[in-house]
């Protein structure tokens, strides 16, 4: 079984998995939004917490400020991201109460 085309520019994983919630080897469709962030925690089962930094414009001061947000993402067995890894995540349907993203690539 080879990795399918998910419609997003990303390198497919070298390993294979039987996870139905994997974007590459399962039947999970991915949507438009993609983010790059750092894995802060990989403790929940098949889940990673990804922190991303972005700039927010403040019109009053005509300056930008740094902000952070944490997103929960499904971590398929074929990718298996650990703490400290930089990953690319893509939006998908809701997988649980907090998870609406899936890891598609380790950078």
PDB file of N, CA and C in Angstrom:
ATOM      1  N   UNK A   1       0.846  -1.187   0.000  1.00  0.00           N
ATOM      2  CA  UNK A   1       0.000   0.000   0.000  1.00  0.00           C
ATOM      3  C   UNK A   1       0.885   1.242   0.000  1.00  0.00           C
ATOM      4  N   UNK A   2       0.743   2.075  -0.994  1.00  0.00           N
ATOM      5  CA  UNK A   2       1.542   3.295  -1.073  1.00  0.00           C
ATOM      6  C   UNK A   2       0.748   4.469  -0.520  1.00  0.00           C
ATOM      7  N   UNK A   3       1.463   5.543  -0.249  1.00  0.00           N
ATOM      8  CA  UNK A   3       0.811   6.740   0.279  1.00  0.00           C
ATOM      9  C   UNK A   3      -0.010   7.394  -0.833  1.00  0.00           C
ATOM     10  N   UNK A   4      -1.203   7.851  -0.469  1.00  0.00           N
ATOM     11  CA  UNK A   4      -2.071   8.492  -1.465  1.00  0.00           C
ATOM     12  C   UNK A   4      -1.771   9.986  -1.556  1.00  0.00           C
ATOM     13  N   UNK A   5      -2.282  10.624  -2.588  1.00  0.00           N
ATOM     14  CA  UNK A   5      -2.096  12.055  -2.779  1.00  0.00           C
ATOM     15  C   UNK A   5      -3.106  12.788  -1.902  1.00  0.00           C
ATOM     16  N   UNK A   6      -2.621  13.616  -0.975  1.00  0.00           N
ATOM     17  CA  UNK A   6      -3.536  14.328  -0.072  1.00  0.00           C
ATOM     18  C   UNK A   6      -3.866  15.734  -0.556  1.00  0.00           C
ATOM     19  N   UNK A   7      -3.228  16.188  -1.631  1.00  0.00           N
ATOM     20  CA  UNK A   7      -3.531  17.491  -2.206  1.00  0.00           C
ATOM     21  C   UNK A   7      -2.772  18.645  -1.581  1.00  0.00           C
ATOM     22  N   UNK A   8      -1.822  18.348  -0.691  1.00  0.00           N
ATOM     23  CA  UNK A   8      -1.012  19.380  -0.040  1.00  0.00           C
ATOM     24  C   UNK A   8       0.443  19.032  -0.276  1.00  0.00           C
ATOM     25  N   UNK A   9       1.259  20.058  -0.533  1.00  0.00           N
ATOM     26  CA  UNK A   9       2.684  19.802  -0.756  1.00  0.00           C
ATOM     27  C   UNK A   9       3.334  19.365   0.541  1.00  0.00           C
ATOM     28  N   UNK A  10       3.660  18.094   0.616  1.00  0.00           N
ATOM     29  CA  UNK A  10       4.333  17.525   1.777  1.00  0.00           C
ATOM     30  C   UNK A  10       4.970  16.216   1.347  1.00  0.00           C
ATOM     31  N   UNK A  11       6.072  15.869   2.015  1.00  0.00           N
ATOM     32  CA  UNK A  11       6.766  14.632   1.695  1.00  0.00           C
ATOM     33  C   UNK A  11       6.075  13.470   2.409  1.00  0.00           C
ATOM     34  N   UNK A  12       5.666  12.425   1.672  1.00  0.00           N
ATOM     35  CA  UNK A  12       5.004  11.298   2.328  1.00  0.00           C
ATOM     36  C   UNK A  12       5.958  10.555   3.270  1.00  0.00           C
ATOM     37  N   UNK A  13       5.433   9.954   4.333  1.00  0.00           N
ATOM     38  CA  UNK A  13       6.302   9.236   5.276  1.00  0.00           C
ATOM     39  C   UNK A  13       6.862   7.959   4.660  1.00  0.00           C
ATOM     40  N   UNK A  14       8.019   7.544   5.168  1.00  0.00           N
ATOM     41  CA  UNK A  14       8.665   6.334   4.659  1.00  0.00           C
ATOM     42  C   UNK A  14       8.002   5.076   5.204  1.00  0.00           C
ATOM     43  N   UNK A  15       7.542   5.113   6.453  1.00  0.00           N
ATOM     44  CA  UNK A  15       6.860   3.963   7.057  1.00  0.00           C
ATOM     45  C   UNK A  15       5.425   3.883   6.557  1.00  0.00           C
ATOM     46  N   UNK A  16       4.809   2.725   6.772  1.00  0.00           N
ATOM     47  CA  UNK A  16       3.393   2.554   6.474  1.00  0.00           C
ATOM     48  C   UNK A  16       2.657   2.241   7.760  1.00  0.00           C
ATOM     49  N   UNK A  17       1.365   2.557   7.799  1.00  0.00           N
ATOM     50  CA  UNK A  17       0.568   2.276   8.995  1.00  0.00           C
ATOM     51  C   UNK A  17      -0.834   1.826   8.591  1.00  0.00           C
ATOM     52  N   UNK A  18      -1.551   1.264   9.546  1.00  0.00           N
ATOM     53  CA  UNK A  18      -2.929   0.812   9.310  1.00  0.00           C
ATOM     54  C   UNK A  18      -3.944   1.734   9.978  1.00  0.00           C
ATOM     55  N   UNK A  19      -3.515   2.931  10.336  1.00  0.00           N
ATOM     56  CA  UNK A  19      -4.366   3.876  11.047  1.00  0.00           C
ATOM     57  C   UNK A  19      -5.424   4.455  10.106  1.00  0.00           C
ATOM     58  N   UNK A  20      -6.731   4.262  10.385  1.00  0.00           N
ATOM     59  CA  UNK A  20      -7.756   4.833   9.502  1.00  0.00           C
ATOM     60  C   UNK A  20      -7.819   6.355   9.572  1.00  0.00           C
ATOM     61  N   UNK A  21      -7.255   6.963  10.635  1.00  0.00           N
ATOM     62  CA  UNK A  21      -7.244   8.414  10.779  1.00  0.00           C
ATOM     63  C   UNK A  21      -5.945   9.031  10.269  1.00  0.00           C
ATOM     64  N   UNK A  22      -5.164   8.295   9.494  1.00  0.00           N
ATOM     65  CA  UNK A  22      -3.935   8.811   8.890  1.00  0.00           C
ATOM     66  C   UNK A  22      -4.294   9.469   7.558  1.00  0.00           C
ATOM     67  N   UNK A  23      -3.728  10.651   7.303  1.00  0.00           N
ATOM     68  CA  UNK A  23      -4.016  11.357   6.050  1.00  0.00           C
ATOM     69  C   UNK A  23      -3.407  10.635   4.856  1.00  0.00           C
ATOM     70  N   UNK A  24      -2.290   9.940   5.054  1.00  0.00           N
ATOM     71  CA  UNK A  24      -1.568   9.288   3.949  1.00  0.00           C
ATOM     72  C   UNK A  24      -2.073   7.873   3.677  1.00  0.00           C
ATOM     73  N   UNK A  25      -2.325   7.077   4.718  1.00  0.00           N
ATOM     74  CA  UNK A  25      -2.653   5.664   4.532  1.00  0.00           C
ATOM     75  C   UNK A  25      -4.092   5.313   4.889  1.00  0.00           C
ATOM     76  N   UNK A  26      -4.802   6.229   5.514  1.00  0.00           N
ATOM     77  CA  UNK A  26      -6.198   6.000   5.875  1.00  0.00           C
ATOM     78  C   UNK A  26      -7.133   6.685   4.896  1.00  0.00           C
ATOM     79  N   UNK A  27      -8.343   6.972   5.361  1.00  0.00           N
ATOM     80  CA  UNK A  27      -9.332   7.611   4.492  1.00  0.00           C
ATOM     81  C   UNK A  27      -9.688   9.006   4.981  1.00  0.00           C
ATOM     82  N   UNK A  28      -8.806   9.623   5.762  1.00  0.00           N
ATOM     83  CA  UNK A  28      -9.094  10.936   6.331  1.00  0.00           C
ATOM     84  C   UNK A  28      -8.783  12.041   5.324  1.00  0.00           C
ATOM     85  N   UNK A  29      -9.793  12.816   4.886  1.00  0.00           N
ATOM     86  CA  UNK A  29      -9.519  13.931   3.977  1.00  0.00           C
ATOM     87  C   UNK A  29      -9.010  15.147   4.750  1.00  0.00           C
ATOM     88  N   UNK A  30      -8.085  15.897   4.157  1.00  0.00           N
ATOM     89  CA  UNK A  30      -7.567  17.117   4.777  1.00  0.00           C
ATOM     90  C   UNK A  30      -8.117  18.328   4.037  1.00  0.00           C
ATOM     91  N   UNK A  31      -8.183  19.463   4.764  1.00  0.00           N
ATOM     92  CA  UNK A  31      -8.760  20.686   4.203  1.00  0.00           C
ATOM     93  C   UNK A  31      -7.678  21.716   3.944  1.00  0.00           C
ATOM     94  N   UNK A  32      -8.073  22.982   3.891  1.00  0.00           N
ATOM     95  CA  UNK A  32      -7.190  24.050   3.432  1.00  0.00           C
ATOM     96  C   UNK A  32      -6.086  24.442   4.403  1.00  0.00           C
ATOM     97  N   UNK A  33      -6.414  24.673   5.668  1.00  0.00           N
ATOM     98  CA  UNK A  33      -5.460  25.274   6.583  1.00  0.00           C
ATOM     99  C   UNK A  33      -4.307  24.337   6.917  1.00  0.00           C
ATOM    100  N   UNK A  34      -3.081  24.859   6.792  1.00  0.00           N
ATOM    101  CA  UNK A  34      -1.892  24.125   7.224  1.00  0.00           C
ATOM    102  C   UNK A  34      -1.046  25.056   8.075  1.00  0.00           C
ATOM    103  N   UNK A  35      -0.437  24.504   9.120  1.00  0.00           N
ATOM    104  CA  UNK A  35       0.411  25.277  10.011  1.00  0.00           C
ATOM    105  C   UNK A  35       1.705  24.530  10.250  1.00  0.00           C
ATOM    106  N   UNK A  36       2.760  25.280  10.555  1.00  0.00           N
ATOM    107  CA  UNK A  36       4.030  24.694  10.967  1.00  0.00           C
ATOM    108  C   UNK A  36       4.262  25.115  12.405  1.00  0.00           C
ATOM    109  N   UNK A  37       4.611  24.159  13.246  1.00  0.00           N
ATOM    110  CA  UNK A  37       4.814  24.462  14.654  1.00  0.00           C
ATOM    111  C   UNK A  37       5.714  23.445  15.318  1.00  0.00           C
ATOM    112  N   UNK A  38       5.966  23.670  16.594  1.00  0.00           N
ATOM    113  CA  UNK A  38       6.852  22.809  17.371  1.00  0.00           C
ATOM    114  C   UNK A  38       6.010  21.942  18.298  1.00  0.00           C
ATOM    115  N   UNK A  39       6.359  20.661  18.380  1.00  0.00           N
ATOM    116  CA  UNK A  39       5.647  19.740  19.268  1.00  0.00           C
ATOM    117  C   UNK A  39       6.082  20.027  20.702  1.00  0.00           C
ATOM    118  N   UNK A  40       5.115  20.400  21.536  1.00  0.00           N
ATOM    119  CA  UNK A  40       5.377  20.732  22.932  1.00  0.00           C
ATOM    120  C   UNK A  40       5.172  19.502  23.813  1.00  0.00           C
ATOM    121  N   UNK A  41       4.186  18.679  23.463  1.00  0.00           N
ATOM    122  CA  UNK A  41       3.892  17.490  24.255  1.00  0.00           C
ATOM    123  C   UNK A  41       3.421  16.378  23.335  1.00  0.00           C
ATOM    124  N   UNK A  42       3.858  15.160  23.617  1.00  0.00           N
ATOM    125  CA  UNK A  42       3.418  13.993  22.856  1.00  0.00           C
ATOM    126  C   UNK A  42       2.903  12.918  23.810  1.00  0.00           C
ATOM    127  N   UNK A  43       2.431  13.323  24.988  1.00  0.00           N
ATOM    128  CA  UNK A  43       2.020  12.368  26.006  1.00  0.00           C
ATOM    129  C   UNK A  43       0.666  11.712  25.743  1.00  0.00           C
ATOM    130  N   UNK A  44      -0.360  12.452  25.277  1.00  0.00           N
ATOM    131  CA  UNK A  44      -1.626  11.759  25.022  1.00  0.00           C
ATOM    132  C   UNK A  44      -1.462  10.717  23.917  1.00  0.00           C
ATOM    133  N   UNK A  45      -2.232   9.639  23.971  1.00  0.00           N
ATOM    134  CA  UNK A  45      -2.108   8.539  23.015  1.00  0.00           C
ATOM    135  C   UNK A  45      -2.475   8.997  21.605  1.00  0.00           C
ATOM    136  N   UNK A  46      -1.551   8.825  20.660  1.00  0.00           N
ATOM    137  CA  UNK A  46      -1.706   9.198  19.243  1.00  0.00           C
ATOM    138  C   UNK A  46      -2.076  10.674  19.066  1.00  0.00           C
ATOM    139  N   UNK A  47      -1.615  11.520  19.981  1.00  0.00           N
ATOM    140  CA  UNK A  47      -1.917  12.950  19.917  1.00  0.00           C
ATOM    141  C   UNK A  47      -0.665  13.749  20.229  1.00  0.00           C
ATOM    142  N   UNK A  48      -0.508  14.889  19.576  1.00  0.00           N
ATOM    143  CA  UNK A  48       0.567  15.818  19.907  1.00  0.00           C
ATOM    144  C   UNK A  48      -0.032  17.201  20.123  1.00  0.00           C
ATOM    145  N   UNK A  49       0.619  17.996  20.976  1.00  0.00           N
ATOM    146  CA  UNK A  49       0.237  19.383  21.186  1.00  0.00           C
ATOM    147  C   UNK A  49       1.269  20.219  20.446  1.00  0.00           C
ATOM    148  N   UNK A  50       0.815  20.987  19.463  1.00  0.00           N
ATOM    149  CA  UNK A  50       1.702  21.780  18.610  1.00  0.00           C
ATOM    150  C   UNK A  50       1.517  23.248  18.957  1.00  0.00           C
ATOM    151  N   UNK A  51       2.644  23.920  19.244  1.00  0.00           N
ATOM    152  CA  UNK A  51       2.604  25.354  19.544  1.00  0.00           C
ATOM    153  C   UNK A  51       3.112  26.114  18.329  1.00  0.00           C
ATOM    154  N   UNK A  52       2.328  27.110  17.896  1.00  0.00           N
ATOM    155  CA  UNK A  52       2.751  27.922  16.759  1.00  0.00           C
ATOM    156  C   UNK A  52       2.804  29.376  17.175  1.00  0.00           C
ATOM    157  N   UNK A  53       3.794  30.086  16.660  1.00  0.00           N
ATOM    158  CA  UNK A  53       3.952  31.510  16.936  1.00  0.00           C
ATOM    159  C   UNK A  53       3.515  32.298  15.714  1.00  0.00           C
ATOM    160  N   UNK A  54       2.851  33.425  15.954  1.00  0.00           N
ATOM    161  CA  UNK A  54       2.450  34.283  14.854  1.00  0.00           C
ATOM    162  C   UNK A  54       2.484  35.733  15.318  1.00  0.00           C
ATOM    163  N   UNK A  55       2.465  36.666  14.360  1.00  0.00           N
ATOM    164  CA  UNK A  55       2.485  38.089  14.665  1.00  0.00           C
ATOM    165  C   UNK A  55       1.071  38.657  14.558  1.00  0.00           C
ATOM    166  N   UNK A  56       0.695  39.483  15.528  1.00  0.00           N
ATOM    167  CA  UNK A  56      -0.612  40.125  15.539  1.00  0.00           C
ATOM    168  C   UNK A  56      -0.401  41.641  15.490  1.00  0.00           C
ATOM    169  N   UNK A  57      -1.078  42.301  14.548  1.00  0.00           N
ATOM    170  CA  UNK A  57      -0.908  43.740  14.347  1.00  0.00           C
ATOM    171  C   UNK A  57      -1.780  44.521  15.321  1.00  0.00           C
ATOM    172  N   UNK A  58      -1.195  45.555  15.965  1.00  0.00           N
ATOM    173  CA  UNK A  58      -1.931  46.438  16.867  1.00  0.00           C
ATOM    174  C   UNK A  58      -2.027  47.809  16.178  1.00  0.00           C
ATOM    175  N   UNK A  59      -3.217  48.187  15.692  1.00  0.00           N
ATOM    176  CA  UNK A  59      -3.347  49.429  14.924  1.00  0.00           C
ATOM    177  C   UNK A  59      -3.000  50.694  15.723  1.00  0.00           C
ATOM    178  N   UNK A  60      -3.338  50.717  16.996  1.00  0.00           N
ATOM    179  CA  UNK A  60      -3.095  51.916  17.801  1.00  0.00           C
ATOM    180  C   UNK A  60      -1.612  52.275  17.836  1.00  0.00           C
ATOM    181  N   UNK A  61      -0.765  51.266  18.016  1.00  0.00           N
ATOM    182  CA  UNK A  61       0.685  51.496  18.112  1.00  0.00           C
ATOM    183  C   UNK A  61       1.412  51.257  16.796  1.00  0.00           C
ATOM    184  N   UNK A  62       0.684  50.810  15.769  1.00  0.00           N
ATOM    185  CA  UNK A  62       1.248  50.510  14.451  1.00  0.00           C
ATOM    186  C   UNK A  62       2.441  49.571  14.557  1.00  0.00           C
ATOM    187  N   UNK A  63       2.278  48.563  15.379  1.00  0.00           N
ATOM    188  CA  UNK A  63       3.345  47.576  15.590  1.00  0.00           C
ATOM    189  C   UNK A  63       2.735  46.179  15.659  1.00  0.00           C
ATOM    190  N   UNK A  64       3.628  45.201  15.641  1.00  0.00           N
ATOM    191  CA  UNK A  64       3.217  43.811  15.763  1.00  0.00           C
ATOM    192  C   UNK A  64       3.635  43.273  17.120  1.00  0.00           C
ATOM    193  N   UNK A  65       2.873  42.305  17.628  1.00  0.00           N
ATOM    194  CA  UNK A  65       3.264  41.607  18.843  1.00  0.00           C
ATOM    195  C   UNK A  65       3.286  40.114  18.545  1.00  0.00           C
ATOM    196  N   UNK A  66       4.154  39.389  19.253  1.00  0.00           N
ATOM    197  CA  UNK A  66       4.224  37.943  19.089  1.00  0.00           C
ATOM    198  C   UNK A  66       3.130  37.302  19.924  1.00  0.00           C
ATOM    199  N   UNK A  67       2.462  36.318  19.346  1.00  0.00           N
ATOM    200  CA  UNK A  67       1.458  35.552  20.073  1.00  0.00           C
ATOM    201  C   UNK A  67       1.706  34.073  19.832  1.00  0.00           C
ATOM    202  N   UNK A  68       1.187  33.244  20.730  1.00  0.00           N
ATOM    203  CA  UNK A  68       1.328  31.792  20.611  1.00  0.00           C
ATOM    204  C   UNK A  68      -0.047  31.154  20.740  1.00  0.00           C
ATOM    205  N   UNK A  69      -0.214  30.024  20.076  1.00  0.00           N
ATOM    206  CA  UNK A  69      -1.425  29.235  20.268  1.00  0.00           C
ATOM    207  C   UNK A  69      -1.046  27.763  20.230  1.00  0.00           C
ATOM    208  N   UNK A  70      -1.795  26.962  20.969  1.00  0.00           N
ATOM    209  CA  UNK A  70      -1.564  25.518  21.007  1.00  0.00           C
ATOM    210  C   UNK A  70      -2.710  24.829  20.288  1.00  0.00           C
ATOM    211  N   UNK A  71      -2.352  23.868  19.445  1.00  0.00           N
ATOM    212  CA  UNK A  71      -3.333  23.087  18.705  1.00  0.00           C
ATOM    213  C   UNK A  71      -3.085  21.608  18.978  1.00  0.00           C
ATOM    214  N   UNK A  72      -4.150  20.853  19.129  1.00  0.00           N
ATOM    215  CA  UNK A  72      -4.042  19.410  19.291  1.00  0.00           C
ATOM    216  C   UNK A  72      -4.151  18.769  17.924  1.00  0.00           C
ATOM    217  N   UNK A  73      -3.286  17.800  17.646  1.00  0.00           N
ATOM    218  CA  UNK A  73      -3.285  17.146  16.340  1.00  0.00           C
ATOM    219  C   UNK A  73      -3.109  15.650  16.498  1.00  0.00           C
ATOM    220  N   UNK A  74      -3.728  14.886  15.590  1.00  0.00           N
ATOM    221  CA  UNK A  74      -3.574  13.435  15.578  1.00  0.00           C
ATOM    222  C   UNK A  74      -2.178  13.096  15.062  1.00  0.00           C
ATOM    223  N   UNK A  75      -1.515  12.167  15.723  1.00  0.00           N
ATOM    224  CA  UNK A  75      -0.143  11.773  15.381  1.00  0.00           C
ATOM    225  C   UNK A  75      -0.158  10.328  14.882  1.00  0.00           C
ATOM    226  N   UNK A  76      -0.208  10.097  13.553  1.00  0.00           N
ATOM    227  CA  UNK A  76      -0.241   8.722  13.039  1.00  0.00           C
ATOM    228  C   UNK A  76       1.057   7.962  13.349  1.00  0.00           C
ATOM    229  N   UNK A  77       0.958   6.633  13.375  1.00  0.00           N
ATOM    230  CA  UNK A  77       2.111   5.776  13.683  1.00  0.00           C
ATOM    231  C   UNK A  77       3.229   5.927  12.658  1.00  0.00           C
ATOM    232  N   UNK A  78       2.879   6.208  11.395  1.00  0.00           N
ATOM    233  CA  UNK A  78       3.893   6.304  10.347  1.00  0.00           C
ATOM    234  C   UNK A  78       4.763   7.550  10.499  1.00  0.00           C
ATOM    235  N   UNK A  79       4.263   8.589  11.138  1.00  0.00           N
ATOM    236  CA  UNK A  79       5.037   9.823  11.339  1.00  0.00           C
ATOM    237  C   UNK A  79       5.678   9.833  12.716  1.00  0.00           C
ATOM    238  N   UNK A  80       4.891   9.528  13.762  1.00  0.00           N
ATOM    239  CA  UNK A  80       5.389   9.368  15.129  1.00  0.00           C
ATOM    240  C   UNK A  80       6.268  10.536  15.578  1.00  0.00           C
ATOM    241  N   UNK A  81       5.698  11.727  15.642  1.00  0.00           N
ATOM    242  CA  UNK A  81       6.422  12.929  16.070  1.00  0.00           C
ATOM    243  C   UNK A  81       6.662  12.892  17.577  1.00  0.00           C
ATOM    244  N   UNK A  82       7.816  13.369  17.990  1.00  0.00           N
ATOM    245  CA  UNK A  82       8.202  13.416  19.406  1.00  0.00           C
ATOM    246  C   UNK A  82       8.297  14.876  19.854  1.00  0.00           C
ATOM    247  N   UNK A  83       8.483  15.088  21.155  1.00  0.00           N
ATOM    248  CA  UNK A  83       8.649  16.433  21.688  1.00  0.00           C
ATOM    249  C   UNK A  83       9.876  17.103  21.067  1.00  0.00           C
ATOM    250  N   UNK A  84       9.734  18.366  20.686  1.00  0.00           N
ATOM    251  CA  UNK A  84      10.841  19.119  20.109  1.00  0.00           C
ATOM    252  C   UNK A  84      10.881  19.083  18.596  1.00  0.00           C
ATOM    253  N   UNK A  85      10.127  18.194  17.950  1.00  0.00           N
ATOM    254  CA  UNK A  85      10.104  18.123  16.486  1.00  0.00           C
ATOM    255  C   UNK A  85       9.331  19.301  15.908  1.00  0.00           C
ATOM    256  N   UNK A  86       9.755  19.754  14.730  1.00  0.00           N
ATOM    257  CA  UNK A  86       9.014  20.756  13.975  1.00  0.00           C
ATOM    258  C   UNK A  86       8.150  19.985  12.985  1.00  0.00           C
ATOM    259  N   UNK A  87       6.840  20.224  13.018  1.00  0.00           N
ATOM    260  CA  UNK A  87       5.915  19.453  12.189  1.00  0.00           C
ATOM    261  C   UNK A  87       5.000  20.375  11.388  1.00  0.00           C
ATOM    262  N   UNK A  88       4.439  19.800  10.328  1.00  0.00           N
ATOM    263  CA  UNK A  88       3.429  20.478   9.527  1.00  0.00           C
ATOM    264  C   UNK A  88       2.114  19.768   9.800  1.00  0.00           C
ATOM    265  N   UNK A  89       1.084  20.548  10.191  1.00  0.00           N
ATOM    266  CA  UNK A  89      -0.218  19.956  10.479  1.00  0.00           C
ATOM    267  C   UNK A  89      -1.247  20.531   9.517  1.00  0.00           C
ATOM    268  N   UNK A  90      -2.256  19.731   9.202  1.00  0.00           N
ATOM    269  CA  UNK A  90      -3.308  20.146   8.276  1.00  0.00           C
ATOM    270  C   UNK A  90      -4.666  19.969   8.938  1.00  0.00           C
ATOM    271  N   UNK A  91      -5.594  20.835   8.573  1.00  0.00           N
ATOM    272  CA  UNK A  91      -6.944  20.773   9.121  1.00  0.00           C
ATOM    273  C   UNK A  91      -7.694  19.579   8.551  1.00  0.00           C
ATOM    274  N   UNK A  92      -8.527  18.964   9.383  1.00  0.00           N
ATOM    275  CA  UNK A  92      -9.371  17.850   8.940  1.00  0.00           C
ATOM    276  C   UNK A  92     -10.687  17.935   9.706  1.00  0.00           C
ATOM    277  N   UNK A  93     -11.525  16.931   9.549  1.00  0.00           N
ATOM    278  CA  UNK A  93     -12.768  16.917  10.322  1.00  0.00           C
ATOM    279  C   UNK A  93     -12.444  16.726  11.792  1.00  0.00           C
ATOM    280  N   UNK A  94     -13.390  17.000  12.671  1.00  0.00           N
ATOM    281  CA  UNK A  94     -13.189  16.806  14.104  1.00  0.00           C
ATOM    282  C   UNK A  94     -12.946  15.328  14.380  1.00  0.00           C
ATOM    283  N   UNK A  95     -11.839  15.024  15.063  1.00  0.00           N
ATOM    284  CA  UNK A  95     -11.524  13.649  15.431  1.00  0.00           C
ATOM    285  C   UNK A  95     -11.898  13.370  16.882  1.00  0.00           C
ATOM    286  N   UNK A  96     -11.935  14.401  17.696  1.00  0.00           N
ATOM    287  CA  UNK A  96     -12.376  14.294  19.084  1.00  0.00           C
ATOM    288  C   UNK A  96     -12.789  15.694  19.533  1.00  0.00           C
ATOM    289  N   UNK A  97     -13.002  15.871  20.821  1.00  0.00           N
ATOM    290  CA  UNK A  97     -13.448  17.165  21.332  1.00  0.00           C
ATOM    291  C   UNK A  97     -12.452  18.275  21.001  1.00  0.00           C
ATOM    292  N   UNK A  98     -11.142  17.993  21.097  1.00  0.00           N
ATOM    293  CA  UNK A  98     -10.110  19.007  20.882  1.00  0.00           C
ATOM    294  C   UNK A  98      -9.362  18.865  19.558  1.00  0.00           C
ATOM    295  N   UNK A  99      -9.339  17.675  18.993  1.00  0.00           N
ATOM    296  CA  UNK A  99      -8.516  17.437  17.786  1.00  0.00           C
ATOM    297  C   UNK A  99      -9.282  17.718  16.493  1.00  0.00           C
ATOM    298  N   UNK A 100      -8.737  18.655  15.700  1.00  0.00           N
ATOM    299  CA  UNK A 100      -9.294  18.933  14.370  1.00  0.00           C
ATOM    300  C   UNK A 100      -8.167  19.062  13.342  1.00  0.00           C
ATOM    301  N   UNK A 101      -6.960  18.592  13.720  1.00  0.00           N
ATOM    302  CA  UNK A 101      -5.790  18.647  12.837  1.00  0.00           C
ATOM    303  C   UNK A 101      -5.105  17.287  12.836  1.00  0.00           C
ATOM    304  N   UNK A 102      -4.316  17.040  11.797  1.00  0.00           N
ATOM    305  CA  UNK A 102      -3.543  15.810  11.696  1.00  0.00           C
ATOM    306  C   UNK A 102      -2.124  16.171  11.254  1.00  0.00           C
ATOM    307  N   UNK A 103      -1.123  15.485  11.815  1.00  0.00           N
ATOM    308  CA  UNK A 103       0.268  15.709  11.422  1.00  0.00           C
ATOM    309  C   UNK A 103       0.479  15.071  10.055  1.00  0.00           C
ATOM    310  N   UNK A 104       1.003  15.863   9.100  1.00  0.00           N
ATOM    311  CA  UNK A 104       1.233  15.315   7.759  1.00  0.00           C
ATOM    312  C   UNK A 104       2.712  15.202   7.412  1.00  0.00           C
ATOM    313  N   UNK A 105       3.586  15.881   8.172  1.00  0.00           N
ATOM    314  CA  UNK A 105       5.001  15.833   7.813  1.00  0.00           C
ATOM    315  C   UNK A 105       5.856  16.275   8.996  1.00  0.00           C
ATOM    316  N   UNK A 106       7.006  15.592   9.156  1.00  0.00           N
ATOM    317  CA  UNK A 106       8.029  16.025  10.105  1.00  0.00           C
ATOM    318  C   UNK A 106       9.057  16.812   9.317  1.00  0.00           C
ATOM    319  N   UNK A 107       9.392  18.021   9.770  1.00  0.00           N
ATOM    320  CA  UNK A 107      10.331  18.870   9.013  1.00  0.00           C
ATOM    321  C   UNK A 107      11.707  18.806   9.641  1.00  0.00           C
TER     322      UNK A 107
END
